[in-house]
Amino acid sequence: PRLSPSELRYIQSDPFEPETKIPWLRLFPHRQTWAFVLGKSMTDPIWWFYLFWLPKFLHETHGVTLTGLGPPLVAIYIAADFGSVGGGWLSSSLLKQGWNVNRARKSAMLICALCVVPVLFVSQVKGLWPAVAIIALATAAHQGWSCNMFTLASDMFPRHAIASVVGIGGFGGAVGGLCISWLVSRLLQWTHSYAVVLFMAGSAYLFALLLVHLLAPRLEPVHIDYVTA
């Protein structure tokens, strides 16, 4: 893909930075770090739910057998691929229209968060393929959301801090993934229903976006005291 002049100017707008190393402890005091970490920690576990629990969900709610799982899962994860590309395209398109970075990123994330909401009701849907369509929309929206979440790190942090911030956020998401596996199994044992799990899956993105906005209302660049390498 070709960069527009405005995108190139935005990429080149970062000030010159010497070769430095940034200890993780210098990142934790910044609320922008927590905006990224909490955004990842609240939404990455939902993706792990889609990865590991969808076969069981489709079997229990629609009677899909092991041999019949292929087409539904292929459709769902292909949709996720398109969502990953679409999420980046959406925010870039808004930037090209003259929106500022804060408005463009958060608007794209809000659209993705709203596209996930129908999954709240997927257990009530009659018919396999309508349910697959709703889940496919949710996985596509997750990937669109995730694409913009990663971009937030580069929007707010200098080049030499981006990898560290993404690593911290990835760790938070992984811990959340471990917790969601345990929590889903317990909720199914206690309630014999996916209602609570689907409520979490459908609402997590809106709550995460609210936290991101409260912690980083304008996506201000972070100024960090460097330690010279």
C-alpha atoms as a PDB file:
ATOM      1  CA  PRO A   1       0.000   0.000   0.000  1.00  0.00           C
ATOM      2  CA  ARG A   2       1.071   3.579  -0.685  1.00  0.00           C
ATOM      3  CA  LEU A   3       1.428   6.220   2.008  1.00  0.00           C
ATOM      4  CA  SER A   4      -0.375   9.492   1.620  1.00  0.00           C
ATOM      5  CA  PRO A   5       1.652  12.679   2.227  1.00  0.00           C
ATOM      6  CA  SER A   6      -0.229  13.285   5.492  1.00  0.00           C
ATOM      7  CA  GLU A   7       0.557   9.763   6.759  1.00  0.00           C
ATOM      8  CA  LEU A   8       4.238  10.179   5.858  1.00  0.00           C
ATOM      9  CA  ARG A   9       4.406  13.499   7.711  1.00  0.00           C
ATOM     10  CA  TYR A  10       2.796  11.873  10.757  1.00  0.00           C
ATOM     11  CA  ILE A  11       5.274   8.977  10.748  1.00  0.00           C
ATOM     12  CA  GLN A  12       8.218  11.373  10.427  1.00  0.00           C
ATOM     13  CA  SER A  13       6.930  13.727  13.114  1.00  0.00           C
ATOM     14  CA  ASP A  14       8.660  11.886  15.970  1.00  0.00           C
ATOM     15  CA  PRO A  15      11.648  13.846  17.282  1.00  0.00           C
ATOM     16  CA  PHE A  16      15.150  12.426  16.964  1.00  0.00           C
ATOM     17  CA  GLU A  17      15.989  10.018  19.759  1.00  0.00           C
ATOM     18  CA  PRO A  18      19.433   8.744  20.733  1.00  0.00           C
ATOM     19  CA  GLU A  19      20.099   5.055  21.146  1.00  0.00           C
ATOM     20  CA  THR A  20      18.724   4.382  24.604  1.00  0.00           C
ATOM     21  CA  LYS A  21      17.328   1.727  26.841  1.00  0.00           C
ATOM     22  CA  ILE A  22      14.213   2.315  28.897  1.00  0.00           C
ATOM     23  CA  PRO A  23      13.718   0.216  32.041  1.00  0.00           C
ATOM     24  CA  TRP A  24      10.193  -1.077  32.411  1.00  0.00           C
ATOM     25  CA  LEU A  25       9.912   0.626  35.798  1.00  0.00           C
ATOM     26  CA  ARG A  26      10.118   3.987  34.032  1.00  0.00           C
ATOM     27  CA  LEU A  27       7.032   3.092  31.999  1.00  0.00           C
ATOM     28  CA  PHE A  28       4.712   2.050  34.820  1.00  0.00           C
ATOM     29  CA  PRO A  29       4.110   5.542  36.267  1.00  0.00           C
ATOM     30  CA  HIS A  30       2.629   6.759  32.974  1.00  0.00           C
ATOM     31  CA  ARG A  31      -1.139   6.457  32.617  1.00  0.00           C
ATOM     32  CA  GLN A  32      -0.701   5.861  28.879  1.00  0.00           C
ATOM     33  CA  THR A  33       1.093   2.620  29.740  1.00  0.00           C
ATOM     34  CA  TRP A  34      -1.874   1.505  31.810  1.00  0.00           C
ATOM     35  CA  ALA A  35      -4.284   2.536  29.062  1.00  0.00           C
ATOM     36  CA  PHE A  36      -2.557   0.102  26.712  1.00  0.00           C
ATOM     37  CA  VAL A  37      -2.046  -2.651  29.299  1.00  0.00           C
ATOM     38  CA  LEU A  38      -5.651  -2.602  30.523  1.00  0.00           C
ATOM     39  CA  GLY A  39      -6.985  -2.397  26.974  1.00  0.00           C
ATOM     40  CA  LYS A  40      -5.050  -5.543  26.105  1.00  0.00           C
ATOM     41  CA  SER A  41      -5.720  -7.339  29.385  1.00  0.00           C
ATOM     42  CA  MET A  42      -9.480  -6.885  29.083  1.00  0.00           C
ATOM     43  CA  THR A  43      -9.835  -7.920  25.438  1.00  0.00           C
ATOM     44  CA  ASP A  44      -7.103 -10.453  24.635  1.00  0.00           C
ATOM     45  CA  PRO A  45      -8.795 -13.056  26.878  1.00  0.00           C
ATOM     46  CA  ILE A  46     -11.913 -12.817  24.720  1.00  0.00           C
ATOM     47  CA  TRP A  47      -9.864 -13.905  21.725  1.00  0.00           C
ATOM     48  CA  TRP A  48      -8.577 -16.879  23.714  1.00  0.00           C
ATOM     49  CA  PHE A  49     -12.191 -17.777  24.450  1.00  0.00           C
ATOM     50  CA  TYR A  50     -12.929 -17.771  20.719  1.00  0.00           C
ATOM     51  CA  LEU A  51      -9.854 -19.884  20.022  1.00  0.00           C
ATOM     52  CA  PHE A  52     -10.347 -22.584  22.638  1.00  0.00           C
ATOM     53  CA  TRP A  53     -14.044 -22.664  23.523  1.00  0.00           C
ATOM     54  CA  LEU A  54     -15.817 -22.195  20.195  1.00  0.00           C
ATOM     55  CA  PRO A  55     -15.830 -25.904  19.256  1.00  0.00           C
ATOM     56  CA  LYS A  56     -17.437 -26.801  22.590  1.00  0.00           C
ATOM     57  CA  PHE A  57     -19.923 -23.930  22.278  1.00  0.00           C
ATOM     58  CA  LEU A  58     -20.969 -24.908  18.749  1.00  0.00           C
ATOM     59  CA  HIS A  59     -21.295 -28.542  19.785  1.00  0.00           C
ATOM     60  CA  GLU A  60     -23.426 -27.816  22.846  1.00  0.00           C
ATOM     61  CA  THR A  61     -25.669 -25.172  21.272  1.00  0.00           C
ATOM     62  CA  HIS A  62     -25.974 -26.428  17.685  1.00  0.00           C
ATOM     63  CA  GLY A  63     -24.913 -30.065  17.832  1.00  0.00           C
ATOM     64  CA  VAL A  64     -21.888 -29.584  15.590  1.00  0.00           C
ATOM     65  CA  THR A  65     -19.734 -32.699  15.633  1.00  0.00           C
ATOM     66  CA  LEU A  66     -15.966 -32.859  15.341  1.00  0.00           C
ATOM     67  CA  THR A  67     -16.153 -33.630  11.629  1.00  0.00           C
ATOM     68  CA  GLY A  68     -18.523 -30.731  11.044  1.00  0.00           C
ATOM     69  CA  LEU A  69     -16.472 -28.041  12.766  1.00  0.00           C
ATOM     70  CA  GLY A  70     -14.287 -27.253   9.765  1.00  0.00           C
ATOM     71  CA  PRO A  71     -16.532 -24.961   7.671  1.00  0.00           C
ATOM     72  CA  PRO A  72     -17.850 -22.856  10.592  1.00  0.00           C
ATOM     73  CA  LEU A  73     -14.401 -22.326  12.102  1.00  0.00           C
ATOM     74  CA  VAL A  74     -12.838 -21.545   8.725  1.00  0.00           C
ATOM     75  CA  ALA A  75     -15.528 -18.921   8.084  1.00  0.00           C
ATOM     76  CA  ILE A  76     -15.031 -17.392  11.535  1.00  0.00           C
ATOM     77  CA  TYR A  77     -11.258 -17.105  11.313  1.00  0.00           C
ATOM     78  CA  ILE A  78     -11.227 -15.880   7.713  1.00  0.00           C
ATOM     79  CA  ALA A  79     -13.550 -13.116   8.883  1.00  0.00           C
ATOM     80  CA  ALA A  80     -11.010 -12.339  11.606  1.00  0.00           C
ATOM     81  CA  ASP A  81      -8.315 -11.916   8.942  1.00  0.00           C
ATOM     82  CA  PHE A  82     -10.457  -9.416   7.062  1.00  0.00           C
ATOM     83  CA  GLY A  83     -11.198  -7.605  10.316  1.00  0.00           C
ATOM     84  CA  SER A  84      -7.507  -7.168  11.046  1.00  0.00           C
ATOM     85  CA  VAL A  85      -6.985  -5.443   7.709  1.00  0.00           C
ATOM     86  CA  GLY A  86     -10.266  -3.552   7.936  1.00  0.00           C
ATOM     87  CA  GLY A  87      -9.539  -2.093  11.360  1.00  0.00           C
ATOM     88  CA  GLY A  88      -6.301  -0.548  10.168  1.00  0.00           C
ATOM     89  CA  TRP A  89      -7.908   0.661   6.956  1.00  0.00           C
ATOM     90  CA  LEU A  90     -10.741   2.314   8.878  1.00  0.00           C
ATOM     91  CA  SER A  91      -8.571   4.445  11.149  1.00  0.00           C
ATOM     92  CA  SER A  92      -6.245   5.311   8.254  1.00  0.00           C
ATOM     93  CA  SER A  93      -9.216   6.409   6.158  1.00  0.00           C
ATOM     94  CA  LEU A  94     -10.413   8.676   8.944  1.00  0.00           C
ATOM     95  CA  LEU A  95      -6.934  10.187   9.224  1.00  0.00           C
ATOM     96  CA  LYS A  96      -6.910  10.865   5.485  1.00  0.00           C
ATOM     97  CA  GLN A  97     -10.202  12.712   5.892  1.00  0.00           C
ATOM     98  CA  GLY A  98      -8.517  15.128   8.267  1.00  0.00           C
ATOM     99  CA  TRP A  99      -9.486  13.613  11.618  1.00  0.00           C
ATOM    100  CA  ASN A 100      -6.895  13.908  14.347  1.00  0.00           C
ATOM    101  CA  VAL A 101      -5.218  10.754  15.638  1.00  0.00           C
ATOM    102  CA  ASN A 102      -7.178  10.624  18.886  1.00  0.00           C
ATOM    103  CA  ARG A 103     -10.555  10.888  17.182  1.00  0.00           C
ATOM    104  CA  ALA A 104      -9.677   8.508  14.341  1.00  0.00           C
ATOM    105  CA  ARG A 105      -8.253   5.720  16.522  1.00  0.00           C
ATOM    106  CA  LYS A 106     -10.972   5.827  19.158  1.00  0.00           C
ATOM    107  CA  SER A 107     -13.775   6.074  16.595  1.00  0.00           C
ATOM    108  CA  ALA A 108     -12.437   2.986  14.822  1.00  0.00           C
ATOM    109  CA  MET A 109     -12.174   1.189  18.164  1.00  0.00           C
ATOM    110  CA  LEU A 110     -15.711   2.228  19.105  1.00  0.00           C
ATOM    111  CA  ILE A 111     -17.066   0.812  15.843  1.00  0.00           C
ATOM    112  CA  CYS A 112     -15.224  -2.458  16.517  1.00  0.00           C
ATOM    113  CA  ALA A 113     -16.517  -2.557  20.097  1.00  0.00           C
ATOM    114  CA  LEU A 114     -20.104  -2.059  18.914  1.00  0.00           C
ATOM    115  CA  CYS A 115     -19.754  -4.804  16.294  1.00  0.00           C
ATOM    116  CA  VAL A 116     -18.947  -7.254  19.100  1.00  0.00           C
ATOM    117  CA  VAL A 117     -22.124  -6.511  21.076  1.00  0.00           C
ATOM    118  CA  PRO A 118     -24.439  -8.901  19.129  1.00  0.00           C
ATOM    119  CA  VAL A 119     -22.417 -11.846  20.466  1.00  0.00           C
ATOM    120  CA  LEU A 120     -24.282 -11.263  23.750  1.00  0.00           C
ATOM    121  CA  PHE A 121     -27.296 -12.932  22.173  1.00  0.00           C
ATOM    122  CA  VAL A 122     -25.649 -15.603  20.044  1.00  0.00           C
ATOM    123  CA  SER A 123     -26.706 -18.456  22.339  1.00  0.00           C
ATOM    124  CA  GLN A 124     -30.344 -17.535  21.648  1.00  0.00           C
ATOM    125  CA  VAL A 125     -29.963 -17.631  17.868  1.00  0.00           C
ATOM    126  CA  LYS A 126     -31.690 -20.481  16.072  1.00  0.00           C
ATOM    127  CA  GLY A 127     -29.649 -22.023  13.308  1.00  0.00           C
ATOM    128  CA  LEU A 128     -25.936 -22.688  13.017  1.00  0.00           C
ATOM    129  CA  TRP A 129     -24.990 -20.244  10.283  1.00  0.00           C
ATOM    130  CA  PRO A 130     -26.716 -17.175  11.739  1.00  0.00           C
ATOM    131  CA  ALA A 131     -24.769 -17.900  14.951  1.00  0.00           C
ATOM    132  CA  VAL A 132     -21.563 -18.347  12.955  1.00  0.00           C
ATOM    133  CA  ALA A 133     -22.187 -15.005  11.232  1.00  0.00           C
ATOM    134  CA  ILE A 134     -22.514 -13.208  14.580  1.00  0.00           C
ATOM    135  CA  ILE A 135     -19.369 -14.852  15.953  1.00  0.00           C
ATOM    136  CA  ALA A 136     -17.497 -14.099  12.722  1.00  0.00           C
ATOM    137  CA  LEU A 137     -18.449 -10.436  13.042  1.00  0.00           C
ATOM    138  CA  ALA A 138     -17.189 -10.472  16.636  1.00  0.00           C
ATOM    139  CA  THR A 139     -13.840 -12.066  15.742  1.00  0.00           C
ATOM    140  CA  ALA A 140     -13.393  -9.637  12.852  1.00  0.00           C
ATOM    141  CA  ALA A 141     -14.152  -6.758  15.200  1.00  0.00           C
ATOM    142  CA  HIS A 142     -11.688  -8.114  17.763  1.00  0.00           C
ATOM    143  CA  GLN A 143      -8.895  -8.130  15.205  1.00  0.00           C
ATOM    144  CA  GLY A 144      -9.822  -4.638  14.050  1.00  0.00           C
ATOM    145  CA  TRP A 145      -9.741  -3.524  17.673  1.00  0.00           C
ATOM    146  CA  SER A 146      -6.413  -5.261  18.285  1.00  0.00           C
ATOM    147  CA  CYS A 147      -4.878  -3.632  15.214  1.00  0.00           C
ATOM    148  CA  ASN A 148      -5.754  -0.193  16.561  1.00  0.00           C
ATOM    149  CA  MET A 149      -4.641  -1.095  20.091  1.00  0.00           C
ATOM    150  CA  PHE A 150      -1.149  -1.868  18.826  1.00  0.00           C
ATOM    151  CA  THR A 151      -1.134   1.416  16.931  1.00  0.00           C
ATOM    152  CA  LEU A 152      -1.973   3.278  20.145  1.00  0.00           C
ATOM    153  CA  ALA A 153       1.407   2.245  21.508  1.00  0.00           C
ATOM    154  CA  SER A 154       3.205   3.912  18.599  1.00  0.00           C
ATOM    155  CA  ASP A 155       0.907   6.936  18.858  1.00  0.00           C
ATOM    156  CA  MET A 156       1.775   7.565  22.503  1.00  0.00           C
ATOM    157  CA  PHE A 157       5.322   6.286  23.039  1.00  0.00           C
ATOM    158  CA  PRO A 158       8.732   7.068  21.534  1.00  0.00           C
ATOM    159  CA  ARG A 159      10.275   4.479  19.258  1.00  0.00           C
ATOM    160  CA  HIS A 160      12.575   2.933  21.843  1.00  0.00           C
ATOM    161  CA  ALA A 161       9.716   2.382  24.286  1.00  0.00           C
ATOM    162  CA  ILE A 162       7.167   0.815  21.940  1.00  0.00           C
ATOM    163  CA  ALA A 163       8.475  -2.757  22.150  1.00  0.00           C
ATOM    164  CA  SER A 164       8.592  -2.609  25.954  1.00  0.00           C
ATOM    165  CA  VAL A 165       5.058  -1.242  26.218  1.00  0.00           C
ATOM    166  CA  VAL A 166       3.740  -3.849  23.788  1.00  0.00           C
ATOM    167  CA  GLY A 167       5.561  -6.539  25.763  1.00  0.00           C
ATOM    168  CA  ILE A 168       3.970  -5.406  29.026  1.00  0.00           C
ATOM    169  CA  GLY A 169       0.557  -5.314  27.365  1.00  0.00           C
ATOM    170  CA  GLY A 170       1.113  -8.737  25.827  1.00  0.00           C
ATOM    171  CA  PHE A 171       2.021 -10.123  29.233  1.00  0.00           C
ATOM    172  CA  GLY A 172      -1.193  -8.680  30.668  1.00  0.00           C
ATOM    173  CA  GLY A 173      -3.173 -10.219  27.834  1.00  0.00           C
ATOM    174  CA  ALA A 174      -1.520 -13.605  28.384  1.00  0.00           C
ATOM    175  CA  VAL A 175      -2.312 -13.537  32.097  1.00  0.00           C
ATOM    176  CA  GLY A 176      -5.881 -12.636  31.221  1.00  0.00           C
ATOM    177  CA  GLY A 177      -5.955 -15.558  28.799  1.00  0.00           C
ATOM    178  CA  LEU A 178      -4.936 -17.948  31.566  1.00  0.00           C
ATOM    179  CA  CYS A 179      -7.591 -16.526  33.857  1.00  0.00           C
ATOM    180  CA  ILE A 180     -10.372 -16.680  31.270  1.00  0.00           C
ATOM    181  CA  SER A 181      -9.814 -20.386  30.691  1.00  0.00           C
ATOM    182  CA  TRP A 182     -10.256 -21.107  34.395  1.00  0.00           C
ATOM    183  CA  LEU A 183     -13.163 -18.678  34.738  1.00  0.00           C
ATOM    184  CA  VAL A 184     -15.124 -20.011  31.764  1.00  0.00           C
ATOM    185  CA  SER A 185     -14.853 -23.580  33.004  1.00  0.00           C
ATOM    186  CA  ARG A 186     -16.054 -22.557  36.472  1.00  0.00           C
ATOM    187  CA  LEU A 187     -18.926 -20.445  35.142  1.00  0.00           C
ATOM    188  CA  LEU A 188     -20.137 -23.298  32.963  1.00  0.00           C
ATOM    189  CA  GLN A 189     -20.021 -25.651  35.945  1.00  0.00           C
ATOM    190  CA  TRP A 190     -21.902 -23.228  38.182  1.00  0.00           C
ATOM    191  CA  THR A 191     -24.492 -21.855  35.744  1.00  0.00           C
ATOM    192  CA  HIS A 192     -24.715 -24.541  33.024  1.00  0.00           C
ATOM    193  CA  SER A 193     -25.083 -21.612  30.634  1.00  0.00           C
ATOM    194  CA  TYR A 194     -22.929 -19.422  28.400  1.00  0.00           C
ATOM    195  CA  ALA A 195     -24.932 -16.299  29.310  1.00  0.00           C
ATOM    196  CA  VAL A 196     -22.372 -14.788  31.695  1.00  0.00           C
ATOM    197  CA  VAL A 197     -19.449 -15.698  29.453  1.00  0.00           C
ATOM    198  CA  LEU A 198     -21.103 -14.121  26.419  1.00  0.00           C
ATOM    199  CA  PHE A 199     -21.943 -11.016  28.429  1.00  0.00           C
ATOM    200  CA  MET A 200     -18.243 -10.673  29.199  1.00  0.00           C
ATOM    201  CA  ALA A 201     -17.320 -11.263  25.556  1.00  0.00           C
ATOM    202  CA  GLY A 202     -19.841  -8.749  24.266  1.00  0.00           C
ATOM    203  CA  SER A 203     -19.206  -5.934  26.724  1.00  0.00           C
ATOM    204  CA  ALA A 204     -15.463  -6.124  27.440  1.00  0.00           C
ATOM    205  CA  TYR A 205     -14.485  -3.908  24.520  1.00  0.00           C
ATOM    206  CA  LEU A 206     -16.773  -1.034  25.478  1.00  0.00           C
ATOM    207  CA  PHE A 207     -15.492  -1.092  29.053  1.00  0.00           C
ATOM    208  CA  ALA A 208     -11.903  -1.322  27.796  1.00  0.00           C
ATOM    209  CA  LEU A 209     -12.421   1.652  25.480  1.00  0.00           C
ATOM    210  CA  LEU A 210     -13.848   3.646  28.374  1.00  0.00           C
ATOM    211  CA  LEU A 211     -10.737   2.923  30.448  1.00  0.00           C
ATOM    212  CA  VAL A 212      -8.445   3.775  27.533  1.00  0.00           C
ATOM    213  CA  HIS A 213     -10.231   7.090  27.090  1.00  0.00           C
ATOM    214  CA  LEU A 214     -10.150   7.924  30.804  1.00  0.00           C
ATOM    215  CA  LEU A 215      -6.439   7.149  31.072  1.00  0.00           C
ATOM    216  CA  ALA A 216      -5.433   8.686  27.727  1.00  0.00           C
ATOM    217  CA  PRO A 217      -8.148  11.192  26.794  1.00  0.00           C
ATOM    218  CA  ARG A 218      -6.061  12.832  24.061  1.00  0.00           C
ATOM    219  CA  LEU A 219      -3.425  10.157  23.302  1.00  0.00           C
ATOM    220  CA  GLU A 220      -0.734  12.605  24.385  1.00  0.00           C
ATOM    221  CA  PRO A 221       2.857  11.538  23.601  1.00  0.00           C
ATOM    222  CA  VAL A 222       4.736  10.287  26.647  1.00  0.00           C
ATOM    223  CA  HIS A 223       7.937  12.046  27.685  1.00  0.00           C
ATOM    224  CA  ILE A 224      10.359   9.610  29.284  1.00  0.00           C
ATOM    225  CA  ASP A 225      13.676  10.240  31.016  1.00  0.00           C
ATOM    226  CA  TYR A 226      16.153   8.141  29.059  1.00  0.00           C
ATOM    227  CA  VAL A 227      19.063   6.095  30.280  1.00  0.00           C
ATOM    228  CA  THR A 228      21.860   6.357  27.750  1.00  0.00           C
ATOM    229  CA  ALA A 229      23.007   2.995  26.441  1.00  0.00           C
END
